[in-house]
Amino acid sequence: MKWHGGTACGVPPYEGVIDSRKEAGVIFSHQTIPAKGRSMGTAVKKTISLPLDLAREVEEIARAEGKSLSAVVQDALRLARATRRKEEFRDLQGFWSRKAKERGILTEDDLQRYLAE
């Protein structure tokens, strides 16, 4: 896919761009895109830059899975978010487990006794 002026070649630019900036070598821009039959937007259009190898890979995945590029990126972001949340949960679980052990709480019975004190 070739890009020119922030839009795919041959595709008219969208109106109502909310923000456009360049941070750490990645170009971000977004706008609200109205959903069919709704006056409020439910999607945000983003423009990002990818290294050539990742761009080719995401295009190959999209073709192989019969999905749009957006769908492939959305799946990857959802997976990354779920992975991050699991890691955060494990970190919290480990923290409170260490705190419980410091107080001698090793079993459910120990916890009940501690809470009753």
N, C-alpha and C. Protein backbone atom coordinates (compact mmCIF):
# COMPACT_ATOMS: atom_id res chain seq x y z
N MET A 1 0.85 -1.17 0.00
CA MET A 1 0.00 0.00 0.00
C MET A 1 0.90 1.23 0.00
N LYS A 2 0.64 2.14 -0.90
CA LYS A 2 1.41 3.37 -0.96
C LYS A 2 0.64 4.48 -0.27
N TRP A 3 1.36 5.34 0.40
CA TRP A 3 0.73 6.42 1.17
C TRP A 3 1.19 7.76 0.65
N HIS A 4 0.29 8.70 0.67
CA HIS A 4 0.62 10.05 0.24
C HIS A 4 -0.24 11.02 1.04
N GLY A 5 0.39 11.92 1.73
CA GLY A 5 -0.35 12.93 2.48
C GLY A 5 -1.22 12.37 3.59
N GLY A 6 -0.83 11.21 4.16
CA GLY A 6 -1.57 10.65 5.28
C GLY A 6 -2.75 9.79 4.87
N THR A 7 -2.97 9.60 3.57
CA THR A 7 -4.07 8.75 3.12
C THR A 7 -3.55 7.78 2.09
N ALA A 8 -4.23 6.67 1.93
CA ALA A 8 -3.85 5.72 0.90
C ALA A 8 -4.09 6.37 -0.46
N CYS A 9 -3.20 6.11 -1.40
CA CYS A 9 -3.34 6.71 -2.73
C CYS A 9 -4.69 6.33 -3.32
N GLY A 10 -5.36 7.30 -3.89
CA GLY A 10 -6.65 7.06 -4.50
C GLY A 10 -7.81 7.15 -3.52
N VAL A 11 -7.53 7.28 -2.25
CA VAL A 11 -8.58 7.39 -1.24
C VAL A 11 -8.63 8.82 -0.78
N PRO A 12 -9.80 9.44 -0.83
CA PRO A 12 -9.87 10.85 -0.41
C PRO A 12 -9.55 10.99 1.08
N PRO A 13 -8.93 12.09 1.46
CA PRO A 13 -8.62 12.29 2.88
C PRO A 13 -9.91 12.46 3.68
N TYR A 14 -9.87 11.99 4.92
CA TYR A 14 -11.01 12.14 5.81
C TYR A 14 -11.06 13.55 6.36
N GLU A 15 -12.23 14.01 6.70
CA GLU A 15 -12.39 15.32 7.31
C GLU A 15 -12.38 15.16 8.82
N GLY A 16 -12.09 16.22 9.51
CA GLY A 16 -12.21 16.24 10.97
C GLY A 16 -11.05 15.62 11.71
N VAL A 17 -9.84 15.71 11.18
CA VAL A 17 -8.70 15.16 11.91
C VAL A 17 -8.59 15.88 13.25
N ILE A 18 -8.55 15.10 14.32
CA ILE A 18 -8.52 15.66 15.67
C ILE A 18 -7.10 16.06 16.07
N ASP A 19 -6.15 15.18 15.77
CA ASP A 19 -4.79 15.42 16.23
C ASP A 19 -3.82 14.79 15.25
N SER A 20 -2.68 15.40 15.10
CA SER A 20 -1.63 14.83 14.27
C SER A 20 -0.31 15.28 14.86
N ARG A 21 0.56 14.32 15.15
CA ARG A 21 1.85 14.67 15.73
C ARG A 21 2.85 13.56 15.44
N LYS A 22 4.12 13.86 15.62
CA LYS A 22 5.17 12.88 15.42
C LYS A 22 5.91 12.73 16.74
N GLU A 23 5.94 11.51 17.25
CA GLU A 23 6.62 11.23 18.52
C GLU A 23 7.50 10.01 18.33
N ALA A 24 8.72 10.10 18.74
CA ALA A 24 9.67 8.98 18.74
C ALA A 24 9.69 8.23 17.41
N GLY A 25 9.62 8.95 16.31
CA GLY A 25 9.72 8.32 15.01
C GLY A 25 8.45 7.66 14.52
N VAL A 26 7.36 7.74 15.28
CA VAL A 26 6.10 7.15 14.87
C VAL A 26 5.12 8.29 14.64
N ILE A 27 4.43 8.26 13.54
CA ILE A 27 3.48 9.31 13.21
C ILE A 27 2.11 8.88 13.69
N PHE A 28 1.48 9.74 14.50
CA PHE A 28 0.14 9.47 15.00
C PHE A 28 -0.80 10.54 14.47
N SER A 29 -1.93 10.13 13.99
CA SER A 29 -3.00 11.08 13.72
C SER A 29 -4.28 10.31 13.95
N HIS A 30 -5.31 10.99 14.38
CA HIS A 30 -6.55 10.27 14.58
C HIS A 30 -7.74 11.16 14.33
N GLN A 31 -8.84 10.51 14.05
CA GLN A 31 -10.09 11.21 13.83
C GLN A 31 -11.22 10.26 14.19
N THR A 32 -12.35 10.81 14.51
CA THR A 32 -13.52 10.00 14.78
C THR A 32 -14.20 9.69 13.46
N ILE A 33 -14.53 8.43 13.26
CA ILE A 33 -15.19 8.00 12.04
C ILE A 33 -16.62 7.60 12.42
N PRO A 34 -17.63 8.27 11.87
CA PRO A 34 -19.00 7.92 12.23
C PRO A 34 -19.36 6.51 11.79
N ALA A 35 -20.04 5.77 12.67
CA ALA A 35 -20.53 4.45 12.30
C ALA A 35 -21.83 4.62 11.54
N LYS A 36 -22.16 3.65 10.71
CA LYS A 36 -23.38 3.73 9.91
C LYS A 36 -24.59 3.88 10.82
N GLY A 37 -25.44 4.84 10.51
CA GLY A 37 -26.67 5.03 11.25
C GLY A 37 -26.50 5.69 12.60
N ARG A 38 -25.33 6.16 12.91
CA ARG A 38 -25.08 6.82 14.20
C ARG A 38 -24.49 8.19 13.96
N SER A 39 -24.82 9.11 14.83
CA SER A 39 -24.26 10.46 14.68
C SER A 39 -22.92 10.59 15.41
N MET A 40 -22.69 9.77 16.44
CA MET A 40 -21.43 9.83 17.18
C MET A 40 -20.47 8.79 16.62
N GLY A 41 -19.20 9.12 16.56
CA GLY A 41 -18.21 8.19 16.05
C GLY A 41 -17.91 7.09 17.05
N THR A 42 -17.63 5.91 16.53
CA THR A 42 -17.30 4.78 17.39
C THR A 42 -15.92 4.23 17.09
N ALA A 43 -15.25 4.75 16.11
CA ALA A 43 -13.91 4.30 15.76
C ALA A 43 -13.02 5.52 15.63
N VAL A 44 -11.74 5.30 15.82
CA VAL A 44 -10.76 6.37 15.67
C VAL A 44 -9.76 5.91 14.62
N LYS A 45 -9.55 6.74 13.63
CA LYS A 45 -8.60 6.42 12.57
C LYS A 45 -7.22 6.87 13.03
N LYS A 46 -6.24 5.97 12.95
CA LYS A 46 -4.86 6.26 13.33
C LYS A 46 -3.96 6.02 12.14
N THR A 47 -2.95 6.82 12.03
CA THR A 47 -1.91 6.62 11.03
C THR A 47 -0.62 6.36 11.77
N ILE A 48 0.00 5.22 11.49
CA ILE A 48 1.26 4.88 12.16
C ILE A 48 2.29 4.52 11.10
N SER A 49 3.55 4.58 11.49
CA SER A 49 4.58 4.11 10.58
C SER A 49 5.15 2.83 11.15
N LEU A 50 5.46 1.89 10.28
CA LEU A 50 6.01 0.60 10.67
C LEU A 50 7.31 0.36 9.90
N PRO A 51 8.24 -0.34 10.52
CA PRO A 51 9.41 -0.75 9.75
C PRO A 51 8.95 -1.64 8.60
N LEU A 52 9.68 -1.64 7.53
CA LEU A 52 9.29 -2.36 6.32
C LEU A 52 8.98 -3.83 6.60
N ASP A 53 9.81 -4.50 7.43
CA ASP A 53 9.57 -5.92 7.69
C ASP A 53 8.24 -6.15 8.41
N LEU A 54 7.88 -5.30 9.36
CA LEU A 54 6.60 -5.44 10.05
C LEU A 54 5.43 -5.11 9.13
N ALA A 55 5.59 -4.12 8.29
CA ALA A 55 4.54 -3.76 7.34
C ALA A 55 4.25 -4.93 6.41
N ARG A 56 5.31 -5.55 5.90
CA ARG A 56 5.12 -6.71 5.02
C ARG A 56 4.47 -7.86 5.78
N GLU A 57 4.92 -8.08 7.01
CA GLU A 57 4.37 -9.18 7.79
C GLU A 57 2.88 -8.99 8.09
N VAL A 58 2.49 -7.77 8.47
CA VAL A 58 1.08 -7.53 8.77
C VAL A 58 0.24 -7.68 7.51
N GLU A 59 0.76 -7.28 6.37
CA GLU A 59 0.04 -7.47 5.11
C GLU A 59 -0.11 -8.95 4.77
N GLU A 60 0.94 -9.73 5.00
CA GLU A 60 0.88 -11.18 4.75
C GLU A 60 -0.14 -11.85 5.67
N ILE A 61 -0.13 -11.46 6.94
CA ILE A 61 -1.09 -12.03 7.90
C ILE A 61 -2.51 -11.69 7.48
N ALA A 62 -2.73 -10.43 7.10
CA ALA A 62 -4.06 -10.00 6.67
C ALA A 62 -4.54 -10.82 5.48
N ARG A 63 -3.68 -11.01 4.49
CA ARG A 63 -4.05 -11.81 3.32
C ARG A 63 -4.34 -13.26 3.72
N ALA A 64 -3.45 -13.85 4.52
CA ALA A 64 -3.60 -15.25 4.90
C ALA A 64 -4.87 -15.49 5.72
N GLU A 65 -5.22 -14.54 6.57
CA GLU A 65 -6.39 -14.70 7.44
C GLU A 65 -7.65 -14.08 6.86
N GLY A 66 -7.53 -13.45 5.70
CA GLY A 66 -8.68 -12.83 5.07
C GLY A 66 -9.23 -11.66 5.88
N LYS A 67 -8.33 -10.92 6.52
CA LYS A 67 -8.72 -9.78 7.35
C LYS A 67 -8.15 -8.49 6.78
N SER A 68 -8.68 -7.38 7.26
CA SER A 68 -8.11 -6.09 6.89
C SER A 68 -6.87 -5.84 7.74
N LEU A 69 -6.05 -4.89 7.30
CA LEU A 69 -4.89 -4.51 8.10
C LEU A 69 -5.33 -4.02 9.47
N SER A 70 -6.41 -3.26 9.50
CA SER A 70 -6.92 -2.75 10.78
C SER A 70 -7.28 -3.89 11.72
N ALA A 71 -7.93 -4.93 11.19
CA ALA A 71 -8.33 -6.07 12.03
C ALA A 71 -7.11 -6.79 12.60
N VAL A 72 -6.08 -6.95 11.78
CA VAL A 72 -4.86 -7.62 12.25
C VAL A 72 -4.20 -6.81 13.36
N VAL A 73 -4.09 -5.49 13.16
CA VAL A 73 -3.48 -4.63 14.17
C VAL A 73 -4.33 -4.62 15.44
N GLN A 74 -5.66 -4.57 15.29
CA GLN A 74 -6.54 -4.62 16.47
C GLN A 74 -6.35 -5.91 17.25
N ASP A 75 -6.26 -7.04 16.55
CA ASP A 75 -6.03 -8.32 17.23
C ASP A 75 -4.71 -8.30 17.99
N ALA A 76 -3.67 -7.76 17.36
CA ALA A 76 -2.36 -7.71 18.00
C ALA A 76 -2.39 -6.82 19.24
N LEU A 77 -3.08 -5.70 19.15
CA LEU A 77 -3.17 -4.79 20.30
C LEU A 77 -3.98 -5.41 21.43
N ARG A 78 -5.07 -6.11 21.09
CA ARG A 78 -5.85 -6.78 22.13
C ARG A 78 -5.03 -7.85 22.83
N LEU A 79 -4.26 -8.61 22.06
CA LEU A 79 -3.40 -9.65 22.64
C LEU A 79 -2.34 -9.01 23.53
N ALA A 80 -1.73 -7.93 23.08
CA ALA A 80 -0.71 -7.24 23.88
C ALA A 80 -1.33 -6.71 25.17
N ARG A 81 -2.54 -6.15 25.09
CA ARG A 81 -3.22 -5.63 26.28
C ARG A 81 -3.52 -6.76 27.26
N ALA A 82 -4.02 -7.89 26.76
CA ALA A 82 -4.32 -9.03 27.62
C ALA A 82 -3.06 -9.56 28.29
N THR A 83 -1.98 -9.65 27.54
CA THR A 83 -0.70 -10.12 28.08
C THR A 83 -0.20 -9.18 29.17
N ARG A 84 -0.29 -7.87 28.91
CA ARG A 84 0.16 -6.88 29.89
C ARG A 84 -0.67 -6.97 31.17
N ARG A 85 -1.99 -7.14 31.02
CA ARG A 85 -2.85 -7.24 32.20
C ARG A 85 -2.56 -8.49 33.01
N LYS A 86 -2.28 -9.60 32.33
CA LYS A 86 -1.92 -10.84 33.04
C LYS A 86 -0.62 -10.65 33.81
N GLU A 87 0.34 -9.99 33.19
CA GLU A 87 1.61 -9.73 33.87
C GLU A 87 1.41 -8.83 35.08
N GLU A 88 0.58 -7.80 34.94
CA GLU A 88 0.30 -6.91 36.06
C GLU A 88 -0.39 -7.66 37.19
N PHE A 89 -1.33 -8.55 36.84
CA PHE A 89 -2.02 -9.35 37.84
C PHE A 89 -1.03 -10.25 38.58
N ARG A 90 -0.15 -10.90 37.83
CA ARG A 90 0.85 -11.78 38.47
C ARG A 90 1.78 -10.98 39.37
N ASP A 91 2.15 -9.78 38.96
CA ASP A 91 2.99 -8.93 39.80
C ASP A 91 2.28 -8.58 41.10
N LEU A 92 1.01 -8.20 41.00
CA LEU A 92 0.23 -7.88 42.20
C LEU A 92 0.05 -9.10 43.09
N GLN A 93 -0.23 -10.22 42.47
CA GLN A 93 -0.41 -11.46 43.21
C GLN A 93 0.88 -11.81 43.96
N GLY A 94 2.01 -11.66 43.29
CA GLY A 94 3.29 -11.93 43.93
C GLY A 94 3.56 -10.98 45.08
N PHE A 95 3.25 -9.70 44.89
CA PHE A 95 3.45 -8.71 45.94
C PHE A 95 2.66 -9.08 47.19
N TRP A 96 1.36 -9.35 47.02
CA TRP A 96 0.52 -9.66 48.18
C TRP A 96 0.85 -11.02 48.78
N SER A 97 1.32 -11.94 47.97
CA SER A 97 1.75 -13.23 48.49
C SER A 97 2.96 -13.06 49.39
N ARG A 98 3.91 -12.22 48.97
CA ARG A 98 5.09 -11.95 49.82
C ARG A 98 4.68 -11.27 51.12
N LYS A 99 3.76 -10.30 51.03
CA LYS A 99 3.28 -9.61 52.24
C LYS A 99 2.61 -10.59 53.19
N ALA A 100 1.81 -11.51 52.67
CA ALA A 100 1.14 -12.50 53.51
C ALA A 100 2.16 -13.40 54.18
N LYS A 101 3.16 -13.86 53.45
CA LYS A 101 4.19 -14.73 54.02
C LYS A 101 4.96 -14.01 55.12
N GLU A 102 5.23 -12.71 54.93
CA GLU A 102 5.92 -11.92 55.96
C GLU A 102 5.13 -11.91 57.26
N ARG A 103 3.81 -12.01 57.17
CA ARG A 103 2.94 -12.00 58.35
C ARG A 103 2.56 -13.40 58.81
N GLY A 104 3.18 -14.41 58.19
CA GLY A 104 2.92 -15.78 58.59
C GLY A 104 1.62 -16.35 58.05
N ILE A 105 1.07 -15.72 57.04
CA ILE A 105 -0.18 -16.20 56.45
C ILE A 105 0.17 -17.11 55.28
N LEU A 106 0.02 -18.42 55.49
CA LEU A 106 0.38 -19.40 54.47
C LEU A 106 -0.82 -20.20 53.98
N THR A 107 -1.89 -20.22 54.75
CA THR A 107 -3.08 -21.00 54.38
C THR A 107 -4.33 -20.13 54.54
N GLU A 108 -5.46 -20.66 54.08
CA GLU A 108 -6.74 -19.97 54.27
C GLU A 108 -7.05 -19.83 55.76
N ASP A 109 -6.75 -20.89 56.54
CA ASP A 109 -6.97 -20.82 57.99
C ASP A 109 -6.13 -19.71 58.62
N ASP A 110 -4.87 -19.58 58.18
CA ASP A 110 -4.02 -18.50 58.69
C ASP A 110 -4.64 -17.14 58.37
N LEU A 111 -5.19 -17.00 57.18
CA LEU A 111 -5.81 -15.75 56.78
C LEU A 111 -7.04 -15.45 57.64
N GLN A 112 -7.86 -16.47 57.88
CA GLN A 112 -9.05 -16.27 58.71
C GLN A 112 -8.66 -15.83 60.13
N ARG A 113 -7.63 -16.48 60.67
CA ARG A 113 -7.15 -16.09 62.02
C ARG A 113 -6.63 -14.65 62.01
N TYR A 114 -5.86 -14.30 60.99
CA TYR A 114 -5.31 -12.94 60.88
C TYR A 114 -6.43 -11.91 60.80
N LEU A 115 -7.44 -12.19 60.01
CA LEU A 115 -8.55 -11.26 59.84
C LEU A 115 -9.40 -11.14 61.09
N ALA A 116 -9.45 -12.18 61.88
CA ALA A 116 -10.24 -12.17 63.11
C ALA A 116 -9.57 -11.40 64.22
N GLU A 117 -8.26 -11.18 64.12
CA GLU A 117 -7.51 -10.47 65.18
C GLU A 117 -7.89 -9.02 65.29
